[in-house]
Amino acid sequence: MKRQSILFTAALLTLGTLVPVTVAGPAAAATRVGAPPTAGHHHPQVLGVGGAGAYRIGASLAALTAAGHIDWTAPSCGGVVHAGAAGPWAGVILLAFRDGRLVEVGTATAPPYSPAGASVGMSFAELEDIYGRRGSLIRNDAGDAEAYLVRVGSRVELFTGHPIRPGVGYFQVGPASFVERSFRQGTAC
């Protein structure tokens, strides 16, 4: 009887040490938006075309500010306001609002990851391996920048280049009418 108890305890301990190893990668991060990090990080793991945590595409700037989710704002032109997140997303994501509604969430850090496991710091070839035919490498209208674009309905994931090294330097999500258009055409003002 003691031998079975020892074997059972050993099996539980072994399983307990294996589980953290198997859930520490980017694929596991896609389990839940805003899920607590698994290995020493103190910020969220997943950024998808719907946004992240309280920062849902279409959310009101006024409502997010009233709820304490906005740290700072910087008005721009064309009805666009850039903002910084507060709480666990502070220093991790940047926000853009047009006419008071959230139209872009972006990051220059890893994590967060896309639901497919892509992130800042990857090469465009790695994105190709992850997304296959769902994504494509595009250039802006001026022909001086490239990005990797993944369409999800009327929204996009856009991975833009890094100014110093090859690969992804910024990952942003939102409606194609704002995110993709801004990349292709630049800002109107």
Protein backbone atom coordinates (compact mmCIF):
# COMPACT_ATOMS: atom_id res chain seq x y z
CA MET A 1 0.00 0.00 0.00
CA LYS A 2 2.83 2.41 0.82
CA ARG A 3 4.44 1.68 -2.58
CA GLN A 4 1.25 2.71 -4.45
CA SER A 5 1.03 5.89 -2.41
CA ILE A 6 4.67 6.75 -3.14
CA LEU A 7 4.19 6.06 -6.88
CA PHE A 8 1.04 8.19 -6.95
CA THR A 9 2.81 11.08 -5.16
CA ALA A 10 5.82 10.79 -7.49
CA ALA A 11 3.51 10.86 -10.53
CA LEU A 12 1.76 14.01 -9.25
CA LEU A 13 5.07 15.74 -8.56
CA THR A 14 6.35 14.82 -12.02
CA LEU A 15 3.16 16.08 -13.64
CA GLY A 16 3.38 19.27 -11.59
CA THR A 17 6.86 19.99 -12.89
CA LEU A 18 5.97 19.18 -16.51
CA VAL A 19 2.86 21.34 -16.77
CA PRO A 20 4.62 24.71 -16.35
CA VAL A 21 7.18 23.71 -18.97
CA THR A 22 4.48 22.84 -21.50
CA VAL A 23 2.39 25.98 -20.97
CA ALA A 24 5.16 28.57 -21.03
CA GLY A 25 5.25 29.04 -24.83
CA PRO A 26 3.36 31.50 -27.03
CA ALA A 27 0.66 29.00 -28.03
CA ALA A 28 -0.42 28.65 -24.41
CA ALA A 29 -0.72 32.41 -24.12
CA ALA A 30 -3.71 32.29 -26.45
CA THR A 31 -5.91 30.66 -23.82
CA ARG A 32 -7.52 33.86 -22.54
CA VAL A 33 -7.09 37.56 -23.19
CA GLY A 34 -5.57 39.18 -20.14
CA ALA A 35 -4.58 35.82 -18.64
CA PRO A 36 -1.99 36.10 -15.91
CA PRO A 37 1.50 35.44 -17.22
CA THR A 38 3.09 32.09 -16.63
CA ALA A 39 6.76 32.85 -16.14
CA GLY A 40 7.86 35.97 -14.31
CA HIS A 41 6.14 38.50 -16.59
CA HIS A 42 3.66 40.93 -15.10
CA HIS A 43 1.78 41.93 -18.22
CA PRO A 44 -0.87 40.24 -20.39
CA GLN A 45 -0.11 37.72 -23.08
CA VAL A 46 -2.61 38.00 -25.99
CA LEU A 47 -3.47 40.80 -28.41
CA GLY A 48 -6.04 39.93 -31.08
CA VAL A 49 -8.10 41.76 -33.69
CA GLY A 50 -10.78 42.44 -31.07
CA GLY A 51 -8.25 44.21 -28.85
CA ALA A 52 -6.99 43.14 -25.45
CA GLY A 53 -8.57 43.10 -22.01
CA ALA A 54 -10.69 46.22 -21.47
CA TYR A 55 -9.21 47.71 -24.65
CA ARG A 56 -11.75 46.34 -27.12
CA ILE A 57 -11.89 47.79 -30.62
CA GLY A 58 -14.80 50.24 -30.68
CA ALA A 59 -14.56 51.02 -26.94
CA SER A 60 -15.20 54.60 -25.89
CA LEU A 61 -12.24 56.76 -24.84
CA ALA A 62 -14.49 58.50 -22.30
CA ALA A 63 -15.60 55.20 -20.76
CA LEU A 64 -12.06 53.79 -20.59
CA THR A 65 -10.81 57.03 -19.03
CA ALA A 66 -13.63 57.05 -16.46
CA ALA A 67 -12.80 53.43 -15.55
CA GLY A 68 -9.13 54.32 -14.95
CA HIS A 69 -7.82 52.39 -17.98
CA ILE A 70 -6.15 55.38 -19.68
CA ASP A 71 -2.88 56.83 -18.37
CA TRP A 72 -2.28 59.68 -20.86
CA THR A 73 -3.64 61.08 -24.12
CA ALA A 74 -2.08 63.02 -26.99
CA PRO A 75 -4.50 64.58 -29.50
CA SER A 76 -3.40 64.30 -33.11
CA CYS A 77 -5.10 65.43 -36.31
CA GLY A 78 -8.13 64.12 -38.14
CA GLY A 79 -10.04 63.33 -34.95
CA VAL A 80 -7.35 60.85 -33.78
CA VAL A 81 -6.18 60.72 -30.17
CA HIS A 82 -3.25 58.53 -29.15
CA ALA A 83 -3.29 57.16 -25.61
CA GLY A 84 -1.35 55.04 -23.17
CA ALA A 85 -2.87 52.18 -21.23
CA ALA A 86 -2.96 52.00 -17.44
CA GLY A 87 -2.74 48.96 -15.14
CA PRO A 88 -1.21 45.69 -16.37
CA TRP A 89 -1.13 46.95 -19.97
CA ALA A 90 0.80 50.15 -19.09
CA GLY A 91 4.02 50.33 -21.06
CA VAL A 92 2.94 47.35 -23.13
CA ILE A 93 0.33 48.72 -25.55
CA LEU A 94 -0.39 52.01 -27.26
CA LEU A 95 -3.89 53.01 -28.32
CA ALA A 96 -5.42 55.14 -31.07
CA PHE A 97 -8.96 56.51 -30.93
CA ARG A 98 -10.78 58.12 -33.85
CA ASP A 99 -13.79 60.24 -33.02
CA GLY A 100 -13.73 58.87 -29.46
CA ARG A 101 -13.69 55.16 -30.39
CA LEU A 102 -10.77 52.72 -30.15
CA VAL A 103 -9.48 51.88 -33.64
CA GLU A 104 -5.97 50.57 -32.97
CA VAL A 105 -4.07 48.69 -30.30
CA GLY A 106 -0.35 48.23 -30.86
CA THR A 107 2.78 47.01 -29.11
CA ALA A 108 6.53 47.04 -29.52
CA THR A 109 7.06 44.33 -26.89
CA ALA A 110 6.83 40.56 -26.64
CA PRO A 111 4.60 39.40 -25.07
CA PRO A 112 1.84 40.02 -26.02
CA TYR A 113 1.41 37.48 -28.78
CA SER A 114 -1.23 37.19 -31.47
CA PRO A 115 -3.70 34.35 -30.94
CA ALA A 116 -1.59 32.37 -33.45
CA GLY A 117 1.58 32.93 -31.40
CA ALA A 118 3.27 35.67 -33.48
CA SER A 119 5.03 38.59 -31.82
CA VAL A 120 7.44 41.48 -32.04
CA GLY A 121 11.00 40.27 -32.60
CA MET A 122 10.09 37.55 -35.11
CA SER A 123 11.25 37.59 -38.69
CA PHE A 124 8.80 37.93 -41.56
CA ALA A 125 9.75 34.34 -42.54
CA GLU A 126 8.63 33.14 -39.10
CA LEU A 127 5.31 34.93 -39.62
CA GLU A 128 4.97 33.14 -42.97
CA ASP A 129 5.48 29.82 -41.16
CA ILE A 130 2.81 30.68 -38.59
CA TYR A 131 0.16 32.16 -40.91
CA GLY A 132 0.78 30.51 -44.28
CA ARG A 133 -1.74 31.68 -46.88
CA ARG A 134 -3.73 33.65 -44.27
CA GLY A 135 -1.12 36.44 -44.35
CA SER A 136 1.04 38.29 -46.84
CA LEU A 137 4.00 40.62 -47.02
CA ILE A 138 2.92 44.08 -48.22
CA ARG A 139 4.59 47.43 -48.97
CA ASN A 140 3.30 50.91 -48.29
CA ASP A 141 2.26 53.17 -51.18
CA ALA A 142 5.56 55.08 -51.03
CA GLY A 143 7.45 51.79 -51.39
CA ASP A 144 9.77 52.52 -48.49
CA ALA A 145 8.36 50.18 -45.81
CA GLU A 146 7.13 46.61 -45.63
CA ALA A 147 4.85 44.81 -43.23
CA TYR A 148 3.17 41.47 -42.77
CA LEU A 149 -0.64 41.67 -42.97
CA VAL A 150 -3.17 39.14 -41.70
CA ARG A 151 -6.85 39.80 -42.47
CA VAL A 152 -9.57 38.61 -40.11
CA GLY A 153 -12.86 39.79 -41.58
CA SER A 154 -12.83 43.58 -41.67
CA ARG A 155 -9.98 43.74 -39.15
CA VAL A 156 -6.26 43.12 -39.46
CA GLU A 157 -3.15 42.12 -37.58
CA LEU A 158 -0.25 44.17 -38.95
CA PHE A 159 3.40 43.46 -38.17
CA THR A 160 5.63 46.32 -39.29
CA GLY A 161 9.39 46.35 -39.62
CA HIS A 162 11.94 47.42 -37.06
CA PRO A 163 13.86 50.62 -37.81
CA ILE A 164 17.26 49.15 -36.86
CA ARG A 165 17.21 45.39 -37.38
CA PRO A 166 15.37 43.02 -39.73
CA GLY A 167 12.03 41.63 -38.62
CA VAL A 168 9.02 42.81 -36.67
CA GLY A 169 9.32 45.94 -34.55
CA TYR A 170 5.64 46.77 -34.03
CA PHE A 171 2.46 44.67 -33.93
CA GLN A 172 -0.93 46.37 -34.20
CA VAL A 173 -4.55 45.35 -34.59
CA GLY A 174 -7.79 47.06 -35.56
CA PRO A 175 -10.09 47.75 -38.47
CA ALA A 176 -8.40 47.53 -41.87
CA SER A 177 -9.95 50.90 -42.72
CA PHE A 178 -7.69 52.49 -40.09
CA VAL A 179 -4.69 50.22 -39.42
CA GLU A 180 -3.93 49.01 -42.95
CA ARG A 181 -4.87 52.31 -44.54
CA SER A 182 -2.59 54.25 -42.15
CA PHE A 183 0.32 51.96 -43.01
CA ARG A 184 -0.26 52.07 -46.76
CA GLN A 185 -1.02 55.78 -47.08
CA GLY A 186 0.53 57.34 -43.98
CA THR A 187 -1.37 59.90 -41.96
CA ALA A 188 -3.37 62.57 -43.76
CA CYS A 189 -1.84 65.37 -41.68
